[in-house]
Amino acid sequence: MLQSWRWFGPEDPVTLDHVRQAGASGIVTALHHIYDGRAWTPEDIAERKAMIEKAGLVWSVCESIPVHTSIKLRSGPYRQYIDSWKTSLANLGRGGVPMVCYNFMPVVDWTRTDLLYRMPTTGYALRFDMVEFVAYDAFVLERKGAEENYDADLLDKAHSRLAGLSESDIATLEKNIIAGLPGGEDSYDREGIRRRIAMFDEVGPEQMRANLVEFIREITPVAEDVGVRLGIHPDDPPFSLFGLPRVVSTAEDFRAILAASNSLANGMTFCAGSLGSRLDNDVSAMAKEFAERINFVHLRNVSVEPDRSFNESEHLGGDVDMVNLIVTLRREELRRSAGGRADAVIPMRPDHGHLLADDIGKKTNPGYSLIGRLKGLAELRGIITAVDSLPEFLGDGRQTGG
């Protein structure tokens, strides 16, 4: 597995030198300063790629080319934005970037309610608290129809929780949910998110899925032509937020997505933490079912509660069986290698990490501090090394580290 690291560009507090010190060799990044739907030019891509290579690293994955809301709705100037997306994709491929991750989440990207959830270790994790999310949705945002989306018991708990929050607490909760987290595509104020949610009032899951399928059928031939593998990222969390349709959440969803084009270029980003945040997702079974189409991997773990709340746990300490998952992925790499696939080595990155030690109090991107991810990558590298000592992997002869 190609050990990679998400980097948010020259302004990231975690530098490329830090990435090398962590032992990764691949960089997962995007042109985050061009996130308004414009096509990325060959010159902009070459400049970023040269910066990465000067540091002795490779641009292994683009995460992500943003998918404009009009594409998800297939309305307004969606044709213009699809054409720009395909141009960016083609320019990345011709510029030597072999993998593109993207998502199709409507209005809000990955979402958490608490960015500093204190763990028993005294480190800090990211958390999604369902009761607090409902409190915001139903009683702060006062979204039309919100109370119809939740059962009475959950609404009662949310109302009680809200009563115990100060104005400052509510402001922080709102900022966490709607102001945008690292790598997300949009940031809103209260009125802005109400308007954006309303744009999806007439779009249900079937229409949303159909719009995604049409998008996949357009972009896959471009990816094939320029030698890029695509990987759609699961919804995070993998269930509806704000009553919006999320259609990249379950095994059934991925079967429809992969059936939209049988090309190996049309694949998935297997995010263990996102998929594992839904209790009825069997992460190990999904990895085995979709192994052939896994083009990129996020290794992250979660501890999930019955009401769908979860916190991001230690990489080896949550509900996802990380050892079993890595065994499955290494077996897939062996199968690809034996079949002569050019993409036999699957890029992975340690997704998120706790805020630990000297990083506490420093300027960091939530979930993307240095020490927590360094710790996670070291733990994951240990598993990979141990797995590769098993008889079935001995003699493979390929580099699996850094």
Protein backbone atom coordinates (compact mmCIF):
# COMPACT_ATOMS: atom_id res chain seq x y z
CA MET A 1 0.00 0.00 0.00
CA LEU A 2 1.26 3.46 -0.87
CA GLN A 3 1.42 5.39 2.38
CA SER A 4 0.12 8.88 1.71
CA TRP A 5 -0.78 12.02 3.65
CA ARG A 6 -3.39 14.70 3.17
CA TRP A 7 -1.84 18.12 2.74
CA PHE A 8 -3.81 21.34 2.31
CA GLY A 9 -1.19 23.21 0.35
CA PRO A 10 1.36 25.89 1.20
CA GLU A 11 -0.78 27.34 4.02
CA ASP A 12 -1.09 23.99 5.83
CA PRO A 13 0.58 24.15 9.28
CA VAL A 14 1.81 20.62 8.59
CA THR A 15 4.62 21.03 6.09
CA LEU A 16 5.93 18.71 3.41
CA ASP A 17 9.02 18.17 5.55
CA HIS A 18 6.72 16.96 8.34
CA VAL A 19 5.14 14.51 5.88
CA ARG A 20 8.53 13.04 5.05
CA GLN A 21 9.35 12.79 8.74
CA ALA A 22 6.11 10.83 9.25
CA GLY A 23 7.33 8.27 6.71
CA ALA A 24 4.73 8.87 3.99
CA SER A 25 5.77 9.22 0.37
CA GLY A 26 2.50 10.15 -1.35
CA ILE A 27 0.66 13.46 -1.08
CA VAL A 28 -3.11 13.74 -1.18
CA THR A 29 -4.05 17.32 -2.04
CA ALA A 30 -6.05 19.61 -4.31
CA LEU A 31 -5.97 23.14 -5.62
CA HIS A 32 -7.96 24.40 -2.65
CA HIS A 33 -7.53 28.01 -3.74
CA ILE A 34 -9.58 27.24 -6.88
CA TYR A 35 -12.78 25.80 -5.47
CA ASP A 36 -15.35 27.91 -7.31
CA GLY A 37 -16.07 25.55 -10.21
CA ARG A 38 -13.41 26.90 -12.58
CA ALA A 39 -11.34 24.39 -14.49
CA TRP A 40 -7.86 23.79 -13.12
CA THR A 41 -5.23 24.73 -15.67
CA PRO A 42 -2.20 22.60 -16.60
CA GLU A 43 0.01 25.41 -15.29
CA ASP A 44 -1.65 25.47 -11.85
CA ILE A 45 -1.44 21.68 -11.60
CA ALA A 46 2.21 21.63 -12.71
CA GLU A 47 3.12 24.29 -10.14
CA ARG A 48 1.59 22.29 -7.29
CA LYS A 49 3.12 19.03 -8.53
CA ALA A 50 6.58 20.61 -8.78
CA MET A 51 6.30 21.90 -5.21
CA ILE A 52 5.52 18.38 -3.98
CA GLU A 53 8.27 16.73 -5.99
CA LYS A 54 10.84 19.29 -4.87
CA ALA A 55 10.18 18.03 -1.34
CA GLY A 56 10.96 14.46 -2.44
CA LEU A 57 7.31 13.32 -2.52
CA VAL A 58 4.75 12.41 -5.19
CA TRP A 59 1.25 13.72 -5.81
CA SER A 60 -0.48 10.37 -5.47
CA VAL A 61 -4.14 11.46 -5.16
CA CYS A 62 -6.16 14.56 -5.90
CA GLU A 63 -8.72 15.02 -3.13
CA SER A 64 -10.94 16.57 -4.35
CA ILE A 65 -12.25 18.28 -7.45
CA PRO A 66 -15.35 19.99 -6.02
CA VAL A 67 -18.71 18.95 -7.48
CA HIS A 68 -20.85 22.07 -7.82
CA THR A 69 -24.39 22.07 -6.40
CA SER A 70 -25.87 22.59 -9.87
CA ILE A 71 -24.32 19.26 -10.94
CA LYS A 72 -25.97 17.49 -8.02
CA LEU A 73 -29.29 19.08 -8.94
CA ARG A 74 -28.76 18.84 -12.73
CA SER A 75 -30.24 22.31 -13.00
CA GLY A 76 -29.07 25.83 -13.83
CA PRO A 77 -25.59 26.04 -15.40
CA TYR A 78 -24.80 22.39 -14.58
CA ARG A 79 -23.46 21.72 -18.09
CA GLN A 80 -20.85 24.45 -17.66
CA TYR A 81 -19.72 23.00 -14.33
CA ILE A 82 -19.57 19.41 -15.62
CA ASP A 83 -17.44 20.55 -18.55
CA SER A 84 -15.10 22.39 -16.16
CA TRP A 85 -14.91 19.31 -13.92
CA LYS A 86 -13.99 17.11 -16.87
CA THR A 87 -11.36 19.61 -17.97
CA SER A 88 -9.81 19.59 -14.49
CA LEU A 89 -9.86 15.79 -14.51
CA ALA A 90 -8.21 15.60 -17.92
CA ASN A 91 -5.56 18.15 -16.95
CA LEU A 92 -4.75 16.24 -13.77
CA GLY A 93 -4.35 13.00 -15.71
CA ARG A 94 -2.18 14.55 -18.38
CA GLY A 95 -0.17 16.24 -15.62
CA GLY A 96 0.66 12.89 -14.02
CA VAL A 97 -1.82 12.71 -11.13
CA PRO A 98 -3.17 9.13 -11.26
CA MET A 99 -6.08 9.17 -8.79
CA VAL A 100 -9.02 11.55 -8.14
CA CYS A 101 -11.26 11.32 -5.08
CA TYR A 102 -14.59 13.19 -5.08
CA ASN A 103 -17.90 13.21 -3.23
CA PHE A 104 -21.56 13.86 -3.98
CA MET A 105 -22.81 15.08 -0.59
CA PRO A 106 -25.52 17.74 -0.92
CA VAL A 107 -25.12 21.15 0.81
CA VAL A 108 -22.84 20.02 3.67
CA ASP A 109 -19.67 17.99 3.31
CA TRP A 110 -18.26 15.90 6.16
CA THR A 111 -19.96 17.06 9.36
CA ARG A 112 -19.14 17.03 13.07
CA THR A 113 -20.74 18.75 16.06
CA ASP A 114 -17.68 18.79 18.34
CA LEU A 115 -14.12 19.44 17.17
CA LEU A 116 -12.55 19.15 20.63
CA TYR A 117 -14.12 16.12 22.30
CA ARG A 118 -11.90 15.20 25.23
CA MET A 119 -10.96 11.54 25.28
CA PRO A 120 -9.98 9.45 28.33
CA THR A 121 -6.39 9.71 27.09
CA THR A 122 -6.67 13.53 27.54
CA GLY A 123 -6.28 13.98 23.79
CA TYR A 124 -9.07 15.49 21.71
CA ALA A 125 -11.17 13.80 19.02
CA LEU A 126 -13.81 14.83 16.49
CA ARG A 127 -17.37 13.85 17.41
CA PHE A 128 -20.80 13.77 15.81
CA ASP A 129 -23.50 13.98 18.47
CA MET A 130 -26.92 13.14 17.05
CA VAL A 131 -28.82 14.85 19.85
CA GLU A 132 -26.90 18.10 19.39
CA PHE A 133 -27.30 17.94 15.62
CA VAL A 134 -31.07 17.55 15.97
CA ALA A 135 -31.14 20.38 18.52
CA TYR A 136 -29.48 22.63 15.96
CA ASP A 137 -31.56 21.47 12.98
CA ALA A 138 -34.97 21.56 14.66
CA PHE A 139 -34.68 24.34 17.23
CA VAL A 140 -31.88 26.71 16.15
CA LEU A 141 -31.98 26.56 12.36
CA GLU A 142 -35.71 25.77 12.62
CA ARG A 143 -35.62 24.07 9.25
CA LYS A 144 -39.04 23.64 7.71
CA GLY A 145 -40.18 20.04 8.25
CA ALA A 146 -37.26 19.18 10.53
CA GLU A 147 -39.42 17.83 13.34
CA GLU A 148 -40.99 15.35 10.92
CA ASN A 149 -37.56 13.75 10.34
CA TYR A 150 -36.98 12.67 13.96
CA ASP A 151 -38.89 10.61 16.48
CA ALA A 152 -40.45 12.23 19.53
CA ASP A 153 -37.92 10.82 22.00
CA LEU A 154 -34.97 12.22 20.05
CA LEU A 155 -36.66 15.60 19.74
CA ASP A 156 -37.29 15.68 23.50
CA LYS A 157 -33.64 14.90 24.20
CA ALA A 158 -32.56 17.56 21.72
CA HIS A 159 -34.82 20.18 23.28
CA SER A 160 -33.47 19.39 26.75
CA ARG A 161 -29.86 19.44 25.51
CA LEU A 162 -30.36 22.82 23.88
CA ALA A 163 -31.78 24.26 27.09
CA GLY A 164 -28.49 23.45 28.80
CA LEU A 165 -26.33 25.20 26.21
CA SER A 166 -25.14 28.78 26.52
CA GLU A 167 -25.31 31.26 23.64
CA SER A 168 -21.59 30.71 23.17
CA ASP A 169 -22.10 26.92 23.07
CA ILE A 170 -24.82 27.31 20.43
CA ALA A 171 -22.64 29.62 18.34
CA THR A 172 -19.80 27.08 18.44
CA LEU A 173 -22.16 24.24 17.53
CA GLU A 174 -23.50 26.21 14.58
CA LYS A 175 -20.02 27.08 13.37
CA ASN A 176 -18.91 23.45 13.60
CA ILE A 177 -21.87 22.26 11.55
CA ILE A 178 -22.26 24.87 8.81
CA ALA A 179 -19.07 26.96 8.58
CA GLY A 180 -17.17 24.24 6.71
CA LEU A 181 -14.46 21.79 7.75
CA PRO A 182 -11.09 21.26 6.01
CA GLY A 183 -11.47 20.03 2.45
CA GLY A 184 -15.17 20.85 2.36
CA GLU A 185 -16.56 22.86 -0.51
CA ASP A 186 -18.91 25.39 1.10
CA SER A 187 -19.33 27.58 4.15
CA TYR A 188 -22.65 29.13 5.20
CA ASP A 189 -24.35 31.44 7.60
CA ARG A 190 -27.79 30.51 8.95
CA GLU A 191 -29.84 32.11 6.20
CA GLY A 192 -27.47 30.84 3.55
CA ILE A 193 -27.81 27.23 4.55
CA ARG A 194 -31.60 27.52 4.75
CA ARG A 195 -31.66 28.73 1.15
CA ARG A 196 -29.30 26.01 -0.04
CA ILE A 197 -31.28 23.24 1.70
CA ALA A 198 -34.49 24.56 0.12
CA MET A 199 -32.95 24.05 -3.34
CA PHE A 200 -33.21 20.29 -2.70
CA ASP A 201 -36.85 20.32 -1.54
CA GLU A 202 -38.03 18.51 -4.67
CA VAL A 203 -35.06 16.13 -4.93
CA GLY A 204 -35.50 12.73 -3.30
CA PRO A 205 -33.04 9.85 -3.10
CA GLU A 206 -34.08 8.34 -6.45
CA GLN A 207 -33.53 11.61 -8.31
CA MET A 208 -30.27 12.27 -6.49
CA ARG A 209 -29.02 8.79 -7.39
CA ALA A 210 -30.05 9.28 -11.02
CA ASN A 211 -28.15 12.58 -11.14
CA LEU A 212 -25.06 10.88 -9.73
CA VAL A 213 -25.27 8.04 -12.24
CA GLU A 214 -25.47 10.51 -15.12
CA PHE A 215 -22.42 12.34 -13.77
CA ILE A 216 -20.45 9.10 -13.46
CA ARG A 217 -21.30 8.12 -17.02
CA GLU A 218 -19.92 11.44 -18.24
CA ILE A 219 -16.68 11.55 -16.27
CA THR A 220 -15.59 7.91 -16.50
CA PRO A 221 -14.65 7.98 -20.22
CA VAL A 222 -12.50 11.05 -19.56
CA ALA A 223 -10.77 9.26 -16.68
CA GLU A 224 -10.15 6.23 -18.89
CA ASP A 225 -8.74 8.40 -21.67
CA VAL A 226 -6.15 10.10 -19.43
CA GLY A 227 -5.34 7.11 -17.21
CA VAL A 228 -6.95 8.34 -13.99
CA ARG A 229 -8.74 6.17 -11.43
CA LEU A 230 -11.79 7.73 -9.77
CA GLY A 231 -12.91 7.05 -6.21
CA ILE A 232 -16.18 8.39 -4.89
CA HIS A 233 -16.05 9.05 -1.15
CA PRO A 234 -18.87 7.81 1.10
CA ASP A 235 -21.22 10.27 2.73
CA ASP A 236 -19.86 11.33 6.11
CA PRO A 237 -21.82 10.54 8.18
CA PRO A 238 -23.57 8.00 5.93
CA PHE A 239 -27.18 9.04 6.54
CA SER A 240 -29.42 11.99 5.79
CA LEU A 241 -28.61 15.37 7.33
CA PHE A 242 -31.10 18.26 7.23
CA GLY A 243 -33.54 15.92 5.46
CA LEU A 244 -31.27 15.89 2.41
CA PRO A 245 -30.83 12.82 0.18
CA ARG A 246 -27.50 11.08 0.70
CA VAL A 247 -26.95 8.26 -1.77
CA VAL A 248 -23.34 7.15 -1.16
CA SER A 249 -23.89 5.51 2.22
CA THR A 250 -24.58 1.78 1.97
CA ALA A 251 -23.53 -1.33 0.09
CA GLU A 252 -26.68 -1.00 -2.03
CA ASP A 253 -25.67 2.55 -2.94
CA PHE A 254 -22.21 1.43 -4.03
CA ARG A 255 -23.61 -1.40 -6.13
CA ALA A 256 -25.64 1.16 -8.08
CA ILE A 257 -22.67 3.51 -8.38
CA LEU A 258 -20.28 0.86 -9.66
CA ALA A 259 -22.93 -0.52 -12.02
CA ALA A 260 -23.25 2.94 -13.59
CA SER A 261 -20.01 2.15 -15.42
CA ASN A 262 -18.23 -1.19 -15.24
CA SER A 263 -14.89 0.44 -15.99
CA LEU A 264 -12.20 -0.04 -13.35
CA ALA A 265 -11.70 3.72 -13.57
CA ASN A 266 -15.09 4.08 -11.85
CA GLY A 267 -14.24 3.06 -8.31
CA MET A 268 -14.61 3.98 -4.68
CA THR A 269 -12.65 5.69 -1.98
CA PHE A 270 -13.01 3.18 0.83
CA CYS A 271 -13.28 5.36 3.93
CA ALA A 272 -13.44 2.93 6.83
CA GLY A 273 -14.49 5.62 9.29
CA SER A 274 -17.31 7.00 7.16
CA LEU A 275 -18.74 3.59 6.32
CA GLY A 276 -18.23 2.41 9.89
CA SER A 277 -20.30 5.31 11.24
CA ARG A 278 -23.47 3.49 10.20
CA LEU A 279 -24.33 0.52 12.41
CA ASP A 280 -25.87 -1.56 9.61
CA ASN A 281 -22.76 -1.26 7.39
CA ASP A 282 -20.52 -4.32 7.64
CA VAL A 283 -17.21 -2.69 6.78
CA SER A 284 -15.25 -5.95 6.43
CA ALA A 285 -17.90 -7.46 4.14
CA MET A 286 -18.03 -4.31 2.01
CA ALA A 287 -14.25 -4.33 1.59
CA LYS A 288 -14.37 -7.92 0.34
CA GLU A 289 -17.34 -7.29 -1.98
CA PHE A 290 -15.94 -4.15 -3.58
CA ALA A 291 -12.20 -4.94 -3.39
CA GLU A 292 -11.71 -4.92 -7.15
CA ARG A 293 -13.09 -1.38 -7.36
CA ILE A 294 -11.33 0.16 -4.34
CA ASN A 295 -9.04 2.80 -5.82
CA PHE A 296 -8.11 4.73 -2.68
CA VAL A 297 -8.36 4.07 1.06
CA HIS A 298 -8.94 6.25 4.11
CA LEU A 299 -8.01 4.33 7.24
CA ARG A 300 -9.90 5.80 10.18
CA ASN A 301 -11.81 4.27 13.08
CA VAL A 302 -14.97 5.23 14.96
CA SER A 303 -16.88 4.25 18.08
CA VAL A 304 -20.60 4.34 17.31
CA GLU A 305 -23.54 4.66 19.71
CA PRO A 306 -27.10 3.34 19.23
CA ASP A 307 -28.52 6.80 18.43
CA ARG A 308 -25.95 7.20 15.58
CA SER A 309 -23.67 9.48 17.55
CA PHE A 310 -19.99 8.61 17.15
CA ASN A 311 -16.54 9.83 18.00
CA GLU A 312 -13.38 9.24 16.05
CA SER A 313 -11.39 6.71 18.01
CA GLU A 314 -7.80 5.52 18.00
CA HIS A 315 -6.95 4.09 14.59
CA LEU A 316 -6.78 0.61 16.12
CA GLY A 317 -9.33 1.13 18.86
CA GLY A 318 -12.83 1.57 17.40
CA ASP A 319 -15.55 -0.59 15.90
CA VAL A 320 -13.78 -1.21 12.56
CA ASP A 321 -11.63 -4.34 12.47
CA MET A 322 -8.58 -2.63 11.03
CA VAL A 323 -6.44 -5.76 10.89
CA ASN A 324 -9.06 -7.67 8.92
CA LEU A 325 -9.51 -4.71 6.58
CA ILE A 326 -5.80 -4.41 5.84
CA VAL A 327 -5.55 -8.16 5.19
CA THR A 328 -8.37 -7.82 2.64
CA LEU A 329 -6.68 -4.86 0.96
CA ARG A 330 -3.28 -6.56 0.77
CA ARG A 331 -4.91 -9.66 -0.73
CA GLU A 332 -6.48 -7.44 -3.37
CA GLU A 333 -3.09 -5.90 -4.13
CA LEU A 334 -1.63 -9.40 -4.59
CA ARG A 335 -4.50 -10.35 -6.90
CA ARG A 336 -4.01 -7.22 -8.99
CA SER A 337 -0.27 -7.74 -9.17
CA ALA A 338 -0.73 -11.32 -10.36
CA GLY A 339 -3.15 -10.06 -13.02
CA GLY A 340 -0.76 -7.39 -14.24
CA ARG A 341 -2.90 -4.42 -13.21
CA ALA A 342 -0.98 -1.15 -13.31
CA ASP A 343 -2.82 0.01 -10.19
CA ALA A 344 -1.78 -2.96 -8.06
CA VAL A 345 -0.53 -0.71 -5.24
CA ILE A 346 -3.48 1.04 -3.60
CA PRO A 347 -2.82 4.48 -2.09
CA MET A 348 -3.96 4.92 1.49
CA ARG A 349 -3.78 7.66 4.07
CA PRO A 350 -4.30 7.75 7.84
CA ASP A 351 -7.56 9.68 7.98
CA HIS A 352 -7.81 12.22 10.76
CA GLY A 353 -6.13 11.81 14.11
CA HIS A 354 -6.53 12.95 17.68
CA LEU A 355 -5.17 16.29 18.80
CA LEU A 356 -2.25 15.29 21.00
CA ALA A 357 0.72 16.62 22.98
CA ASP A 358 2.40 19.73 21.56
CA ASP A 359 -0.30 20.12 18.91
CA ILE A 360 -2.87 21.04 21.58
CA GLY A 361 -3.27 24.80 21.47
CA LYS A 362 -1.48 25.18 18.15
CA LYS A 363 -3.08 26.28 14.91
CA THR A 364 -4.21 23.07 13.21
CA ASN A 365 -6.90 21.97 10.78
CA PRO A 366 -9.51 19.97 12.74
CA GLY A 367 -8.73 16.28 12.30
CA TYR A 368 -5.50 17.04 10.47
CA SER A 369 -2.93 17.80 13.14
CA LEU A 370 0.55 16.30 12.77
CA ILE A 371 1.11 14.16 15.86
CA GLY A 372 -2.23 12.32 15.86
CA ARG A 373 -1.89 11.31 12.22
CA LEU A 374 1.78 10.44 12.66
CA LYS A 375 0.75 8.11 15.50
CA GLY A 376 -2.02 6.62 13.37
CA LEU A 377 0.22 6.05 10.37
CA ALA A 378 2.83 4.36 12.57
CA GLU A 379 0.19 2.02 13.97
CA LEU A 380 -1.18 1.23 10.51
CA ARG A 381 2.32 0.68 9.15
CA GLY A 382 2.89 -1.80 11.97
CA ILE A 383 -0.20 -3.76 10.93
CA ILE A 384 0.87 -3.76 7.29
CA THR A 385 4.35 -5.01 8.22
CA ALA A 386 2.90 -7.75 10.42
CA VAL A 387 0.40 -8.82 7.75
CA ASP A 388 3.17 -9.00 5.17
CA SER A 389 4.99 -11.51 7.35
CA LEU A 390 2.14 -14.00 6.90
CA PRO A 391 2.99 -16.92 4.58
CA GLU A 392 0.57 -15.87 1.85
CA PHE A 393 2.30 -12.50 1.48
CA LEU A 394 5.94 -13.61 1.70
CA GLY A 395 7.78 -13.46 -1.59
CA ASP A 396 5.53 -10.81 -3.04
CA GLY A 397 8.60 -8.68 -3.63
CA ARG A 398 6.79 -5.35 -3.83
CA GLN A 399 7.40 -2.26 -1.74
CA THR A 400 4.51 -1.81 0.67
CA GLY A 401 5.97 0.82 2.95
CA GLY A 402 6.61 4.58 2.58
